[in-house]
N, C-alpha and C. Protein backbone atom coordinates (compact mmCIF):
# COMPACT_ATOMS: atom_id res chain seq x y z
N MET A 1 143.58 155.22 60.78
CA MET A 1 144.83 154.26 60.78
C MET A 1 145.50 154.94 62.00
N ILE A 2 145.70 156.31 62.15
CA ILE A 2 146.50 156.75 63.28
C ILE A 2 145.87 156.52 64.61
N VAL A 3 144.34 156.38 64.55
CA VAL A 3 143.68 155.98 65.79
C VAL A 3 143.89 154.52 66.50
N LEU A 4 143.99 153.72 65.13
CA LEU A 4 144.27 152.45 65.72
C LEU A 4 145.28 152.20 66.21
N MET A 5 146.62 153.00 65.41
CA MET A 5 147.82 152.68 66.02
C MET A 5 147.92 153.28 67.58
N ALA A 6 147.17 154.28 67.50
CA ALA A 6 147.13 155.02 69.14
C ALA A 6 146.60 154.15 69.94
N LEU A 7 145.52 153.12 69.72
CA LEU A 7 145.07 152.36 70.38
C LEU A 7 145.82 151.09 71.17
N ALA A 8 146.55 150.87 70.07
CA ALA A 8 147.51 149.56 70.07
C ALA A 8 148.58 149.97 70.87
N VAL A 9 149.32 151.31 70.85
CA VAL A 9 150.18 151.54 71.80
C VAL A 9 149.76 152.13 73.30
N LEU A 10 148.48 152.41 73.19
CA LEU A 10 147.99 152.40 74.62
C LEU A 10 147.71 151.39 75.37
N ALA A 11 147.33 149.85 74.32
CA ALA A 11 147.09 148.94 74.98
C ALA A 11 148.48 148.25 75.22
N LEU A 12 149.53 148.32 74.53
CA LEU A 12 150.70 147.89 75.24
C LEU A 12 151.36 148.49 76.25
N VAL A 13 151.00 149.87 76.22
CA VAL A 13 151.42 150.66 77.83
C VAL A 13 150.66 149.97 78.87
N LEU A 14 149.45 149.48 78.45
CA LEU A 14 148.81 149.01 79.71
C LEU A 14 148.96 147.98 80.21
N VAL A 15 149.28 146.83 78.90
CA VAL A 15 149.81 145.74 79.56
C VAL A 15 151.38 145.85 80.32
N ALA A 16 152.10 146.75 79.65
CA ALA A 16 153.53 146.84 80.46
C ALA A 16 153.23 147.25 81.86
N VAL A 17 152.56 148.17 82.32
CA VAL A 17 151.93 148.77 83.49
C VAL A 17 151.62 147.54 84.29
N PHE A 18 150.48 146.58 83.76
CA PHE A 18 149.93 145.60 84.58
C PHE A 18 151.35 144.65 84.92
N LEU A 19 151.91 144.39 84.14
CA LEU A 19 153.24 143.63 84.10
C LEU A 19 154.04 144.31 85.21
N VAL A 20 154.34 145.14 85.12
CA VAL A 20 155.26 146.11 85.97
C VAL A 20 154.57 145.66 87.71
N PHE A 21 153.51 146.09 87.42
CA PHE A 21 152.81 146.32 89.04
C PHE A 21 152.40 144.42 89.60
N THR A 22 152.35 143.53 88.59
CA THR A 22 152.44 141.99 88.99
C THR A 22 153.39 141.72 89.78
N ALA A 23 154.69 142.11 89.03
CA ALA A 23 156.02 141.64 89.33
C ALA A 23 156.34 142.33 90.60
N LEU A 24 156.13 143.70 91.09
CA LEU A 24 156.37 144.50 92.50
C LEU A 24 155.71 143.88 93.35
N ALA A 25 154.20 143.28 92.98
CA ALA A 25 153.43 142.57 94.11
C ALA A 25 153.93 141.38 94.50
N PHE A 26 154.44 140.88 93.21
CA PHE A 26 154.89 139.42 93.56
C PHE A 26 156.09 139.59 94.85
N LEU A 27 157.17 140.54 94.28
CA LEU A 27 158.37 140.76 95.10
C LEU A 27 158.07 140.95 96.37
N ALA A 28 157.01 142.03 96.54
CA ALA A 28 156.60 142.15 97.95
C ALA A 28 156.07 140.91 98.48
N ARG A 29 155.61 140.21 98.00
CA ARG A 29 154.55 139.25 98.59
C ARG A 29 155.69 138.25 99.16
N LEU A 30 156.61 138.05 98.47
CA LEU A 30 157.91 137.08 98.43
C LEU A 30 158.60 137.56 99.72
N VAL A 31 158.70 138.74 99.71
CA VAL A 31 159.60 139.68 100.94
C VAL A 31 158.92 139.22 102.31
N PHE A 32 157.45 139.97 102.28
CA PHE A 32 156.99 139.13 103.32
C PHE A 32 156.94 137.86 103.99
N TRP A 33 156.55 137.11 103.03
CA TRP A 33 156.55 135.57 103.09
C TRP A 33 158.04 135.30 103.88
N ILE A 34 159.33 135.55 103.43
CA ILE A 34 160.62 135.58 103.74
C ILE A 34 160.99 136.34 105.13
N LEU A 35 159.84 137.12 105.40
CA LEU A 35 160.31 137.78 106.79
C LEU A 35 159.22 137.17 107.87
N LEU A 36 158.17 136.69 107.54
CA LEU A 36 157.30 136.24 108.16
C LEU A 36 157.31 134.73 108.44
N PHE A 37 158.11 134.09 107.47
CA PHE A 37 158.31 132.56 107.81
C PHE A 37 158.85 132.06 108.94
N PRO A 38 159.74 132.89 109.89
CA PRO A 38 160.20 132.28 111.39
C PRO A 38 158.92 132.18 112.28
N LEU A 39 158.13 133.40 112.02
CA LEU A 39 156.97 133.60 112.84
C LEU A 39 156.15 132.28 112.63
N ARG A 40 155.67 132.01 111.51
CA ARG A 40 154.86 130.75 110.79
C ARG A 40 155.19 129.83 111.48
N LEU A 41 156.48 129.38 111.27
CA LEU A 41 157.15 128.44 112.02
C LEU A 41 156.83 128.14 113.43
N VAL A 42 157.39 129.19 114.41
CA VAL A 42 156.95 129.20 115.30
C VAL A 42 155.64 129.03 116.11
N PHE A 43 154.78 129.58 115.36
CA PHE A 43 153.39 129.41 115.64
C PHE A 43 152.51 127.85 115.21
N TRP A 44 153.32 127.17 114.48
CA TRP A 44 153.08 126.04 113.73
C TRP A 44 153.43 124.88 114.66
N ILE A 45 154.61 125.21 115.44
CA ILE A 45 155.37 124.31 116.28
C ILE A 45 154.56 124.55 117.68
N LEU A 46 153.94 125.66 118.06
CA LEU A 46 153.28 125.78 119.20
C LEU A 46 151.76 124.99 119.40
N TRP A 47 151.04 125.12 117.78
CA TRP A 47 150.05 125.08 117.49
C TRP A 47 149.78 123.02 117.30
N LEU A 48 150.87 122.49 116.99
CA LEU A 48 151.04 121.00 116.81
C LEU A 48 150.51 120.41 118.00
N PRO A 49 150.60 120.81 119.48
CA PRO A 49 149.89 119.75 120.26
C PRO A 49 148.51 120.02 120.42
N PHE A 50 147.76 120.99 119.96
CA PHE A 50 146.81 121.36 119.82
C PHE A 50 145.85 120.48 118.84
N LEU A 51 146.64 120.20 117.56
CA LEU A 51 146.06 119.34 116.59
C LEU A 51 146.21 118.06 117.06
N LEU A 52 147.29 117.75 117.87
CA LEU A 52 147.25 116.29 118.42
C LEU A 52 146.20 115.82 119.18
N LEU A 53 145.96 116.73 119.99
CA LEU A 53 144.68 116.56 120.96
C LEU A 53 143.42 116.68 120.41
N LYS A 54 143.25 117.07 119.22
CA LYS A 54 141.87 117.37 118.25
C LYS A 54 142.14 116.02 117.95
N MET A 55 142.96 115.41 117.25
CA MET A 55 143.09 113.95 116.60
C MET A 55 142.35 112.88 117.58
N ILE A 56 143.18 112.61 118.80
CA ILE A 56 142.84 112.15 119.94
C ILE A 56 141.63 112.07 120.33
N VAL A 57 140.82 113.42 120.35
CA VAL A 57 139.53 113.38 120.71
C VAL A 57 138.68 113.28 119.94
N GLY A 58 138.88 113.15 118.57
CA GLY A 58 138.01 113.06 117.68
C GLY A 58 138.06 111.75 117.45
N GLY A 59 139.16 110.71 117.68
CA GLY A 59 139.28 109.32 117.62
C GLY A 59 138.39 108.63 118.48
N LEU A 60 138.39 109.28 119.95
CA LEU A 60 137.45 108.85 120.77
C LEU A 60 136.08 108.89 120.42
N LEU A 61 135.74 109.93 120.39
CA LEU A 61 134.10 110.48 119.67
C LEU A 61 133.80 109.47 118.39
N MET A 62 134.62 109.33 117.88
CA MET A 62 134.29 108.20 116.64
C MET A 62 134.11 106.72 116.92
N LEU A 63 134.85 106.42 118.06
CA LEU A 63 134.73 105.24 118.84
C LEU A 63 133.23 105.01 119.50
N LEU A 64 133.10 105.90 120.03
CA LEU A 64 131.55 105.97 120.55
C LEU A 64 130.65 106.36 119.62
N ALA A 65 130.65 107.42 118.60
CA ALA A 65 129.58 107.44 117.52
C ALA A 65 129.54 106.63 116.57
N GLY A 66 130.66 105.96 116.18
CA GLY A 66 130.88 105.18 115.07
C GLY A 66 129.53 103.88 114.69
N PRO A 67 129.65 103.16 115.92
CA PRO A 67 128.24 102.01 115.95
C PRO A 67 127.00 102.60 115.90
N ILE A 68 126.74 103.81 116.92
CA ILE A 68 125.39 104.37 116.49
C ILE A 68 125.33 104.62 114.72
N LEU A 69 126.36 105.30 114.08
CA LEU A 69 126.16 106.26 112.65
C LEU A 69 126.05 104.75 112.11
N ALA A 70 126.71 103.64 112.21
CA ALA A 70 126.65 102.54 111.37
C ALA A 70 125.26 102.01 111.24
N ILE A 71 124.61 101.93 112.44
CA ILE A 71 123.32 101.60 112.45
C ILE A 71 122.12 102.36 111.97
N VAL A 72 122.33 103.51 112.02
CA VAL A 72 121.58 104.73 111.36
C VAL A 72 121.69 104.70 109.94
N ALA A 73 122.90 104.13 109.20
CA ALA A 73 123.10 104.02 108.27
C ALA A 73 122.66 102.63 107.45
N VAL A 74 122.38 101.56 108.29
CA VAL A 74 121.90 100.37 107.92
C VAL A 74 120.40 100.69 107.91
N ALA A 75 120.09 101.50 108.95
CA ALA A 75 118.56 101.46 108.99
C ALA A 75 117.91 102.51 107.63
N GLY A 76 118.90 103.40 107.57
CA GLY A 76 118.58 104.24 106.07
C GLY A 76 118.24 103.44 105.19
N VAL A 77 119.59 102.60 104.69
CA VAL A 77 119.35 101.89 103.69
C VAL A 77 118.04 100.86 103.36
N VAL A 78 117.68 100.13 104.56
CA VAL A 78 116.43 99.63 104.72
C VAL A 78 115.52 100.63 104.20
N ILE A 79 115.13 101.69 104.62
CA ILE A 79 114.06 102.51 104.76
C ILE A 79 113.75 102.66 103.14
N ILE A 80 114.88 103.31 102.58
CA ILE A 80 114.98 103.65 101.11
C ILE A 80 114.75 102.50 100.47
N GLY A 81 115.09 101.26 100.48
CA GLY A 81 115.02 100.15 99.74
C GLY A 81 113.54 99.78 99.87
N ILE A 82 112.86 99.93 100.93
CA ILE A 82 111.30 99.53 100.96
C ILE A 82 110.62 100.66 100.18
N ALA A 83 110.88 101.91 100.37
CA ALA A 83 110.26 103.08 99.78
C ALA A 83 110.34 102.73 98.47
N VAL A 84 111.68 102.21 98.02
CA VAL A 84 111.75 101.94 96.51
C VAL A 84 110.71 101.03 95.86
N ALA A 85 110.82 99.61 96.64
CA ALA A 85 110.06 98.60 96.38
C ALA A 85 108.78 98.60 96.48
N LEU A 86 108.17 99.64 97.37
CA LEU A 86 106.81 99.50 97.71
C LEU A 86 105.95 99.81 96.58
N PRO A 87 106.20 100.81 95.58
CA PRO A 87 105.59 100.95 94.50
C PRO A 87 105.60 99.77 93.30
N LEU A 88 106.38 98.88 93.56
CA LEU A 88 106.53 97.62 92.56
C LEU A 88 105.83 96.66 93.14
N ILE A 89 104.96 96.80 94.22
CA ILE A 89 104.20 95.69 94.41
C ILE A 89 103.18 95.40 93.79
N PRO A 90 102.48 96.06 93.06
CA PRO A 90 101.13 95.72 92.29
C PRO A 90 101.95 95.23 91.13
N LEU A 91 102.81 95.56 90.46
CA LEU A 91 103.39 94.75 89.14
C LEU A 91 103.99 93.45 89.77
N LEU A 92 104.85 93.12 90.67
CA LEU A 92 104.90 92.25 91.19
C LEU A 92 103.55 91.14 91.32
N LEU A 93 102.69 91.85 91.85
CA LEU A 93 101.64 90.86 92.02
C LEU A 93 100.78 90.63 90.57
N ILE A 94 100.70 91.30 89.53
CA ILE A 94 100.33 90.89 88.20
C ILE A 94 101.16 90.22 87.73
N ALA A 95 102.63 90.02 87.96
CA ALA A 95 103.27 88.98 87.34
C ALA A 95 103.18 87.77 87.84
N PHE A 96 103.15 87.87 89.41
CA PHE A 96 102.67 86.04 89.84
C PHE A 96 101.58 85.72 89.50
N CYS A 97 100.31 86.67 89.30
CA CYS A 97 99.03 86.07 88.88
C CYS A 97 99.16 85.30 87.13
N VAL A 98 100.08 86.02 86.73
CA VAL A 98 100.20 85.55 85.22
C VAL A 98 101.42 84.59 85.30
N TRP A 99 102.08 84.40 86.14
CA TRP A 99 102.71 82.90 86.20
C TRP A 99 101.96 81.69 86.53
N MET A 100 101.27 82.11 87.29
CA MET A 100 100.19 81.11 88.01
C MET A 100 99.46 80.95 86.88
N LEU A 101 99.19 81.35 86.20
CA LEU A 101 98.20 81.09 85.21
C LEU A 101 98.47 80.67 83.76
N VAL A 102 99.87 80.77 83.81
CA VAL A 102 100.20 80.07 82.21
C VAL A 102 101.21 78.97 82.68
N PRO A 103 100.50 77.62 82.06
CA PRO A 103 101.02 76.34 82.19
C PRO A 103 102.39 76.79 81.86
N GLY A 104 103.51 76.15 82.70
CA GLY A 104 104.64 75.50 82.52
C GLY A 104 104.75 74.24 81.62
N SER A 105 105.78 74.38 80.82
CA SER A 105 106.21 72.90 80.25
C SER A 105 106.72 71.83 80.87
N LYS A 106 106.05 70.49 80.83
CA LYS A 106 106.56 69.56 81.56
C LYS A 106 107.89 68.88 81.29
N HIS A 107 108.30 68.82 80.00
CA HIS A 107 109.86 68.66 79.81
C HIS A 107 110.45 69.65 79.38
N PRO A 108 111.41 69.69 79.91
CA PRO A 108 112.37 71.01 79.58
C PRO A 108 112.85 70.73 78.25
N ALA A 109 113.59 71.81 77.49
CA ALA A 109 113.88 71.64 76.29
C ALA A 109 115.36 70.74 75.95
N VAL A 110 115.61 70.23 75.00
CA VAL A 110 116.78 69.64 74.96
C VAL A 110 117.69 70.38 74.16
N ILE A 111 118.93 70.79 74.75
CA ILE A 111 119.76 71.31 73.79
C ILE A 111 120.71 70.49 73.27
N SER A 112 121.06 70.02 71.92
CA SER A 112 122.08 69.36 71.07
C SER A 112 122.90 70.08 70.19
């Protein structure tokens, strides 16, 4: 029984030590974040024109590549549609032959 109590105390001490180190790490991270925030702000302001240039160049490239990508996408959809429908041709042929051989009704059914 004493061994179990010793293990419980040891586990409690380990949890307390973990919580203390976690709190210290959080405080250190908070201090570094507060100290380095002005530098992050300056670098973000300096980096902003490059981000705008990237957006402009990306938009111009999309104006050039967009129609080509649309044509390729339509061609891909057509090719995939043909690839899916091609194995169904024998079944469609059999269904057409059955449809041609079975006589249709001359008079449609009357719904009353």
